[in-house]
Amino acid sequence: MEIPAKRTDPAQARAIERSLEIAGERQGDLTPRVYALLFQKRLDMESLFSRDRNNLIKGEMLMRVFEAILDFVGARRYADHLISAEVITHEGYEVPPDVFATFFGIVEEVVQEACGSEWTEEMSIAWRQLLEDLGHYVREPPAPCQR
């Protein structure tokens, strides 16, 4: 299956950006909630973070996820390649590719919670499309180079 090369609709990109702004304004650091949900849904992932007692690694990873999302819905300079590469890289940490799809869905869920009554139908539609588009890069990462 070929990964679609289309760009995010500008109105949907604005909805994603606005949802992240609202979530940040209302909740601040979303790291604890995102990872609590991840560990609830994927018990096998918690042990990978056993040494991250102060959330620095989790916070750094989530920041990179937000940056990648913003690039993906915007200029798409690197996010599509980064996501595909990280799926392959994380295989070395025994993280199955489906965890990425789960994780992006959790991010959307936590952002929606944080937005509360300011969450809109446009945001819901935009996130649904974003998750579908990101799913292509998670399910179909490029094959590693062979020598």
N, C-alpha and C. Protein backbone atom coordinates (compact mmCIF):
# COMPACT_ATOMS: atom_id res chain seq x y z
N MET A 1 0.84 -1.18 0.00
CA MET A 1 0.00 0.00 0.00
C MET A 1 0.88 1.24 0.00
N GLU A 2 0.55 2.19 -0.85
CA GLU A 2 1.33 3.42 -0.94
C GLU A 2 0.80 4.45 0.05
N ILE A 3 1.73 5.17 0.67
CA ILE A 3 1.37 6.21 1.62
C ILE A 3 0.91 7.44 0.85
N PRO A 4 -0.23 8.03 1.23
CA PRO A 4 -0.71 9.21 0.51
C PRO A 4 0.21 10.40 0.73
N ALA A 5 0.43 11.18 -0.32
CA ALA A 5 1.31 12.34 -0.25
C ALA A 5 0.55 13.63 0.00
N LYS A 6 -0.74 13.53 0.22
CA LYS A 6 -1.55 14.73 0.37
C LYS A 6 -1.19 15.52 1.62
N ARG A 7 -1.48 16.77 1.59
CA ARG A 7 -1.25 17.66 2.72
C ARG A 7 -2.55 17.80 3.50
N THR A 8 -2.42 18.21 4.74
CA THR A 8 -3.59 18.42 5.59
C THR A 8 -4.35 19.65 5.11
N ASP A 9 -5.65 19.54 5.07
CA ASP A 9 -6.51 20.67 4.74
C ASP A 9 -6.20 21.83 5.70
N PRO A 10 -6.01 23.05 5.20
CA PRO A 10 -5.65 24.17 6.07
C PRO A 10 -6.63 24.42 7.22
N ALA A 11 -7.92 24.23 6.98
CA ALA A 11 -8.90 24.41 8.06
C ALA A 11 -8.72 23.34 9.13
N GLN A 12 -8.43 22.12 8.71
CA GLN A 12 -8.19 21.05 9.68
C GLN A 12 -6.88 21.29 10.43
N ALA A 13 -5.88 21.80 9.74
CA ALA A 13 -4.61 22.12 10.41
C ALA A 13 -4.84 23.17 11.49
N ARG A 14 -5.63 24.19 11.18
CA ARG A 14 -5.94 25.23 12.18
C ARG A 14 -6.69 24.63 13.37
N ALA A 15 -7.59 23.69 13.12
CA ALA A 15 -8.35 23.06 14.21
C ALA A 15 -7.42 22.25 15.12
N ILE A 16 -6.47 21.54 14.53
CA ILE A 16 -5.50 20.77 15.32
C ILE A 16 -4.65 21.74 16.15
N GLU A 17 -4.13 22.77 15.50
CA GLU A 17 -3.29 23.75 16.19
C GLU A 17 -4.05 24.40 17.34
N ARG A 18 -5.29 24.78 17.08
CA ARG A 18 -6.09 25.44 18.12
C ARG A 18 -6.37 24.48 19.28
N SER A 19 -6.65 23.23 18.98
CA SER A 19 -6.91 22.27 20.06
C SER A 19 -5.68 22.12 20.95
N LEU A 20 -4.49 22.10 20.34
CA LEU A 20 -3.27 21.99 21.13
C LEU A 20 -3.03 23.25 21.97
N GLU A 21 -3.35 24.41 21.40
CA GLU A 21 -3.22 25.66 22.15
C GLU A 21 -4.14 25.66 23.36
N ILE A 22 -5.39 25.32 23.13
CA ILE A 22 -6.37 25.31 24.23
C ILE A 22 -5.95 24.32 25.30
N ALA A 23 -5.55 23.12 24.88
CA ALA A 23 -5.15 22.09 25.84
C ALA A 23 -3.98 22.58 26.69
N GLY A 24 -3.01 23.21 26.05
CA GLY A 24 -1.86 23.73 26.78
C GLY A 24 -2.24 24.83 27.75
N GLU A 25 -3.13 25.71 27.31
CA GLU A 25 -3.58 26.81 28.17
C GLU A 25 -4.36 26.30 29.36
N ARG A 26 -5.20 25.31 29.13
CA ARG A 26 -6.09 24.82 30.19
C ARG A 26 -5.44 23.82 31.13
N GLN A 27 -4.55 22.97 30.60
CA GLN A 27 -3.99 21.88 31.40
C GLN A 27 -2.50 22.00 31.66
N GLY A 28 -1.80 22.77 30.85
CA GLY A 28 -0.35 22.83 30.99
C GLY A 28 0.28 21.54 30.49
N ASP A 29 1.06 20.90 31.33
CA ASP A 29 1.79 19.70 30.94
C ASP A 29 0.85 18.51 30.86
N LEU A 30 0.71 17.96 29.67
CA LEU A 30 -0.17 16.82 29.45
C LEU A 30 0.54 15.48 29.65
N THR A 31 1.84 15.54 29.91
CA THR A 31 2.64 14.31 30.01
C THR A 31 2.07 13.30 30.99
N PRO A 32 1.80 13.67 32.25
CA PRO A 32 1.32 12.65 33.19
C PRO A 32 0.05 11.95 32.72
N ARG A 33 -0.89 12.69 32.17
CA ARG A 33 -2.15 12.09 31.74
C ARG A 33 -1.96 11.22 30.52
N VAL A 34 -1.16 11.66 29.55
CA VAL A 34 -0.93 10.88 28.33
C VAL A 34 -0.32 9.53 28.69
N TYR A 35 0.71 9.55 29.53
CA TYR A 35 1.38 8.29 29.84
C TYR A 35 0.57 7.42 30.79
N ALA A 36 -0.22 8.04 31.66
CA ALA A 36 -1.10 7.23 32.52
C ALA A 36 -2.07 6.43 31.64
N LEU A 37 -2.62 7.09 30.62
CA LEU A 37 -3.54 6.38 29.71
C LEU A 37 -2.80 5.32 28.89
N LEU A 38 -1.59 5.66 28.43
CA LEU A 38 -0.83 4.67 27.67
C LEU A 38 -0.59 3.43 28.51
N PHE A 39 -0.16 3.61 29.76
CA PHE A 39 0.13 2.46 30.61
C PHE A 39 -1.13 1.71 31.01
N GLN A 40 -2.24 2.41 31.02
CA GLN A 40 -3.52 1.75 31.30
C GLN A 40 -3.92 0.86 30.12
N LYS A 41 -3.71 1.37 28.91
CA LYS A 41 -4.11 0.63 27.71
C LYS A 41 -3.06 -0.37 27.25
N ARG A 42 -1.80 -0.09 27.58
CA ARG A 42 -0.70 -0.96 27.15
C ARG A 42 0.22 -1.19 28.35
N LEU A 43 -0.16 -2.12 29.19
CA LEU A 43 0.61 -2.42 30.40
C LEU A 43 2.07 -2.77 30.07
N ASP A 44 2.28 -3.37 28.91
CA ASP A 44 3.62 -3.78 28.53
C ASP A 44 4.57 -2.62 28.27
N MET A 45 4.07 -1.40 28.15
CA MET A 45 4.92 -0.25 27.88
C MET A 45 5.49 0.40 29.14
N GLU A 46 4.84 0.21 30.26
CA GLU A 46 5.26 0.90 31.48
C GLU A 46 6.68 0.52 31.90
N SER A 47 7.05 -0.73 31.76
CA SER A 47 8.39 -1.16 32.19
C SER A 47 9.50 -0.49 31.38
N LEU A 48 9.19 -0.04 30.17
CA LEU A 48 10.20 0.63 29.35
C LEU A 48 10.59 2.00 29.93
N PHE A 49 9.76 2.51 30.81
CA PHE A 49 10.00 3.83 31.40
C PHE A 49 10.32 3.75 32.89
N SER A 50 10.73 2.60 33.36
CA SER A 50 10.94 2.40 34.79
C SER A 50 11.99 3.33 35.39
N ARG A 51 12.94 3.76 34.59
CA ARG A 51 13.99 4.64 35.11
C ARG A 51 13.63 6.12 34.98
N ASP A 52 12.53 6.43 34.34
CA ASP A 52 12.11 7.83 34.12
C ASP A 52 11.17 8.28 35.24
N ARG A 53 11.69 8.37 36.44
CA ARG A 53 10.85 8.68 37.60
C ARG A 53 10.38 10.14 37.64
N ASN A 54 11.10 11.03 36.97
CA ASN A 54 10.73 12.44 37.01
C ASN A 54 10.08 12.93 35.70
N ASN A 55 9.72 12.01 34.83
CA ASN A 55 8.99 12.29 33.58
C ASN A 55 9.79 13.07 32.55
N LEU A 56 11.11 13.17 32.69
CA LEU A 56 11.89 13.92 31.71
C LEU A 56 11.89 13.25 30.34
N ILE A 57 12.07 11.95 30.31
CA ILE A 57 12.08 11.24 29.03
C ILE A 57 10.68 11.28 28.40
N LYS A 58 9.67 11.00 29.20
CA LYS A 58 8.30 11.02 28.69
C LYS A 58 7.94 12.42 28.19
N GLY A 59 8.33 13.44 28.94
CA GLY A 59 8.05 14.82 28.53
C GLY A 59 8.74 15.18 27.23
N GLU A 60 9.99 14.77 27.10
CA GLU A 60 10.74 15.02 25.87
C GLU A 60 10.09 14.32 24.68
N MET A 61 9.69 13.07 24.88
CA MET A 61 9.05 12.33 23.80
C MET A 61 7.72 12.97 23.40
N LEU A 62 6.94 13.40 24.38
CA LEU A 62 5.65 14.01 24.06
C LEU A 62 5.85 15.35 23.35
N MET A 63 6.87 16.12 23.76
CA MET A 63 7.16 17.38 23.08
C MET A 63 7.48 17.12 21.61
N ARG A 64 8.25 16.07 21.35
CA ARG A 64 8.59 15.73 19.96
C ARG A 64 7.36 15.28 19.18
N VAL A 65 6.44 14.61 19.86
CA VAL A 65 5.19 14.21 19.22
C VAL A 65 4.39 15.45 18.82
N PHE A 66 4.29 16.42 19.74
CA PHE A 66 3.56 17.65 19.41
C PHE A 66 4.23 18.39 18.25
N GLU A 67 5.56 18.47 18.28
CA GLU A 67 6.27 19.13 17.18
C GLU A 67 6.02 18.40 15.86
N ALA A 68 6.05 17.08 15.91
CA ALA A 68 5.82 16.30 14.69
C ALA A 68 4.39 16.50 14.18
N ILE A 69 3.42 16.52 15.08
CA ILE A 69 2.03 16.75 14.67
C ILE A 69 1.91 18.11 14.00
N LEU A 70 2.50 19.13 14.61
CA LEU A 70 2.40 20.48 14.04
C LEU A 70 3.07 20.56 12.67
N ASP A 71 4.20 19.90 12.51
CA ASP A 71 4.85 19.88 11.21
C ASP A 71 4.02 19.06 10.21
N PHE A 72 3.47 17.95 10.66
CA PHE A 72 2.69 17.08 9.79
C PHE A 72 1.48 17.81 9.22
N VAL A 73 0.79 18.59 10.05
CA VAL A 73 -0.40 19.31 9.56
C VAL A 73 -0.01 20.63 8.89
N GLY A 74 1.25 21.02 9.04
CA GLY A 74 1.73 22.26 8.45
C GLY A 74 2.57 22.02 7.21
N ALA A 75 3.81 22.44 7.28
CA ALA A 75 4.71 22.39 6.13
C ALA A 75 5.14 20.98 5.75
N ARG A 76 5.02 20.06 6.68
CA ARG A 76 5.43 18.67 6.49
C ARG A 76 6.85 18.58 5.93
N ARG A 77 7.75 19.26 6.63
CA ARG A 77 9.15 19.25 6.25
C ARG A 77 9.85 17.95 6.64
N TYR A 78 9.40 17.37 7.77
CA TYR A 78 10.13 16.20 8.27
C TYR A 78 9.26 15.16 8.98
N ALA A 79 8.09 15.54 9.44
CA ALA A 79 7.31 14.68 10.34
C ALA A 79 6.98 13.32 9.74
N ASP A 80 6.64 13.28 8.47
CA ASP A 80 6.29 12.00 7.87
C ASP A 80 7.47 11.04 7.90
N HIS A 81 8.67 11.55 7.62
CA HIS A 81 9.86 10.70 7.65
C HIS A 81 10.25 10.35 9.09
N LEU A 82 10.11 11.31 10.00
CA LEU A 82 10.44 11.08 11.40
C LEU A 82 9.57 9.96 11.98
N ILE A 83 8.29 10.02 11.73
CA ILE A 83 7.38 9.01 12.28
C ILE A 83 7.73 7.63 11.76
N SER A 84 7.95 7.53 10.47
CA SER A 84 8.34 6.23 9.89
C SER A 84 9.65 5.74 10.49
N ALA A 85 10.61 6.64 10.64
CA ALA A 85 11.91 6.24 11.19
C ALA A 85 11.78 5.82 12.65
N GLU A 86 10.95 6.53 13.41
CA GLU A 86 10.80 6.20 14.83
C GLU A 86 10.10 4.85 15.03
N VAL A 87 9.19 4.51 14.14
CA VAL A 87 8.56 3.19 14.22
C VAL A 87 9.64 2.12 14.12
N ILE A 88 10.55 2.29 13.17
CA ILE A 88 11.63 1.32 12.97
C ILE A 88 12.60 1.36 14.15
N THR A 89 12.98 2.55 14.58
CA THR A 89 13.92 2.69 15.71
C THR A 89 13.36 2.05 16.97
N HIS A 90 12.09 2.28 17.24
CA HIS A 90 11.49 1.75 18.46
C HIS A 90 11.34 0.23 18.46
N GLU A 91 11.40 -0.38 17.29
CA GLU A 91 11.40 -1.84 17.25
C GLU A 91 12.58 -2.39 18.06
N GLY A 92 13.69 -1.63 18.07
CA GLY A 92 14.86 -2.02 18.85
C GLY A 92 14.61 -1.98 20.36
N TYR A 93 13.61 -1.20 20.77
CA TYR A 93 13.21 -1.14 22.18
C TYR A 93 12.05 -2.08 22.47
N GLU A 94 11.73 -2.92 21.50
CA GLU A 94 10.62 -3.87 21.59
C GLU A 94 9.26 -3.18 21.71
N VAL A 95 9.13 -2.05 21.00
CA VAL A 95 7.86 -1.34 20.93
C VAL A 95 7.20 -1.70 19.61
N PRO A 96 6.09 -2.43 19.65
CA PRO A 96 5.42 -2.81 18.41
C PRO A 96 4.86 -1.57 17.68
N PRO A 97 4.83 -1.60 16.35
CA PRO A 97 4.33 -0.45 15.59
C PRO A 97 2.92 0.00 15.99
N ASP A 98 2.06 -0.94 16.39
CA ASP A 98 0.70 -0.54 16.73
C ASP A 98 0.64 0.38 17.96
N VAL A 99 1.70 0.39 18.76
CA VAL A 99 1.74 1.28 19.92
C VAL A 99 1.73 2.74 19.46
N PHE A 100 2.34 3.01 18.31
CA PHE A 100 2.35 4.38 17.80
C PHE A 100 0.93 4.85 17.51
N ALA A 101 0.16 4.02 16.85
CA ALA A 101 -1.24 4.38 16.57
C ALA A 101 -2.00 4.58 17.86
N THR A 102 -1.79 3.67 18.82
CA THR A 102 -2.43 3.81 20.13
C THR A 102 -2.02 5.12 20.78
N PHE A 103 -0.73 5.44 20.73
CA PHE A 103 -0.21 6.64 21.38
C PHE A 103 -0.81 7.90 20.77
N PHE A 104 -0.83 7.99 19.45
CA PHE A 104 -1.42 9.17 18.81
C PHE A 104 -2.90 9.30 19.17
N GLY A 105 -3.61 8.20 19.26
CA GLY A 105 -5.00 8.24 19.68
C GLY A 105 -5.15 8.71 21.11
N ILE A 106 -4.23 8.32 21.98
CA ILE A 106 -4.25 8.78 23.37
C ILE A 106 -3.99 10.27 23.43
N VAL A 107 -3.06 10.76 22.63
CA VAL A 107 -2.79 12.20 22.60
C VAL A 107 -4.08 12.95 22.24
N GLU A 108 -4.76 12.47 21.21
CA GLU A 108 -6.03 13.11 20.82
C GLU A 108 -7.03 13.07 21.97
N GLU A 109 -7.14 11.95 22.64
CA GLU A 109 -8.08 11.80 23.75
C GLU A 109 -7.76 12.78 24.89
N VAL A 110 -6.50 12.92 25.23
CA VAL A 110 -6.09 13.81 26.31
C VAL A 110 -6.27 15.28 25.90
N VAL A 111 -5.97 15.59 24.66
CA VAL A 111 -6.19 16.96 24.17
C VAL A 111 -7.68 17.29 24.23
N GLN A 112 -8.52 16.36 23.82
CA GLN A 112 -9.97 16.59 23.88
C GLN A 112 -10.42 16.81 25.33
N GLU A 113 -9.94 15.97 26.24
CA GLU A 113 -10.28 16.14 27.66
C GLU A 113 -9.87 17.52 28.15
N ALA A 114 -8.65 17.92 27.80
CA ALA A 114 -8.13 19.20 28.27
C ALA A 114 -8.89 20.37 27.69
N CYS A 115 -9.36 20.24 26.46
CA CYS A 115 -10.13 21.31 25.83
C CYS A 115 -11.51 21.46 26.46
N GLY A 116 -12.02 20.38 26.97
CA GLY A 116 -13.34 20.42 27.62
C GLY A 116 -14.40 20.99 26.71
N SER A 117 -15.13 21.96 27.19
CA SER A 117 -16.25 22.54 26.43
C SER A 117 -15.80 23.33 25.20
N GLU A 118 -14.51 23.60 25.08
CA GLU A 118 -14.01 24.33 23.91
C GLU A 118 -13.68 23.39 22.74
N TRP A 119 -13.79 22.08 22.97
CA TRP A 119 -13.59 21.10 21.89
C TRP A 119 -14.74 21.25 20.90
N THR A 120 -14.41 21.29 19.62
CA THR A 120 -15.43 21.51 18.59
C THR A 120 -15.54 20.29 17.67
N GLU A 121 -16.61 20.26 16.93
CA GLU A 121 -16.79 19.21 15.93
C GLU A 121 -15.69 19.30 14.87
N GLU A 122 -15.26 20.51 14.53
CA GLU A 122 -14.17 20.68 13.56
C GLU A 122 -12.89 20.05 14.08
N MET A 123 -12.64 20.19 15.37
CA MET A 123 -11.45 19.57 15.97
C MET A 123 -11.57 18.05 15.90
N SER A 124 -12.74 17.54 16.19
CA SER A 124 -12.96 16.10 16.15
C SER A 124 -12.72 15.55 14.75
N ILE A 125 -13.25 16.21 13.75
CA ILE A 125 -13.06 15.79 12.36
C ILE A 125 -11.59 15.87 11.97
N ALA A 126 -10.93 16.96 12.35
CA ALA A 126 -9.53 17.15 12.00
C ALA A 126 -8.64 16.08 12.65
N TRP A 127 -8.89 15.79 13.92
CA TRP A 127 -8.10 14.76 14.60
C TRP A 127 -8.37 13.38 14.01
N ARG A 128 -9.60 13.10 13.67
CA ARG A 128 -9.92 11.80 13.07
C ARG A 128 -9.14 11.63 11.76
N GLN A 129 -9.09 12.68 10.95
CA GLN A 129 -8.35 12.62 9.69
C GLN A 129 -6.85 12.52 9.95
N LEU A 130 -6.37 13.28 10.94
CA LEU A 130 -4.95 13.23 11.28
C LEU A 130 -4.54 11.82 11.70
N LEU A 131 -5.33 11.21 12.56
CA LEU A 131 -5.01 9.85 13.03
C LEU A 131 -5.02 8.86 11.86
N GLU A 132 -5.94 9.03 10.94
CA GLU A 132 -5.97 8.16 9.76
C GLU A 132 -4.72 8.37 8.92
N ASP A 133 -4.35 9.63 8.69
CA ASP A 133 -3.17 9.92 7.87
C ASP A 133 -1.89 9.43 8.55
N LEU A 134 -1.77 9.66 9.85
CA LEU A 134 -0.58 9.18 10.58
C LEU A 134 -0.51 7.67 10.57
N GLY A 135 -1.66 7.03 10.58
CA GLY A 135 -1.71 5.57 10.58
C GLY A 135 -1.00 4.96 9.39
N HIS A 136 -1.02 5.65 8.26
CA HIS A 136 -0.31 5.14 7.08
C HIS A 136 1.18 5.02 7.35
N TYR A 137 1.73 5.99 8.06
CA TYR A 137 3.17 6.00 8.34
C TYR A 137 3.54 4.99 9.42
N VAL A 138 2.58 4.66 10.27
CA VAL A 138 2.81 3.68 11.32
C VAL A 138 2.69 2.27 10.75
N ARG A 139 1.67 2.05 9.93
CA ARG A 139 1.43 0.71 9.38
C ARG A 139 2.38 0.35 8.25
N GLU A 140 2.84 1.34 7.52
CA GLU A 140 3.65 1.09 6.32
C GLU A 140 4.98 1.85 6.36
N PRO A 141 5.79 1.66 7.42
CA PRO A 141 7.08 2.36 7.40
C PRO A 141 7.94 1.82 6.27
N PRO A 142 8.83 2.65 5.76
CA PRO A 142 9.68 2.15 4.69
C PRO A 142 10.57 1.03 5.18
N ALA A 143 10.89 0.13 4.30
CA ALA A 143 11.77 -1.00 4.66
C ALA A 143 13.16 -0.48 4.95
N PRO A 144 13.84 -1.05 5.94
CA PRO A 144 15.21 -0.63 6.22
C PRO A 144 16.11 -0.89 5.01
N CYS A 145 17.12 -0.08 4.87
CA CYS A 145 18.07 -0.27 3.77
C CYS A 145 18.82 -1.58 3.99
N GLN A 146 19.03 -2.28 2.92
CA GLN A 146 19.79 -3.53 3.00
C GLN A 146 21.07 -3.38 2.23
N ARG A 147 22.11 -3.94 2.75
CA ARG A 147 23.41 -3.85 2.08
C ARG A 147 23.74 -5.16 1.43
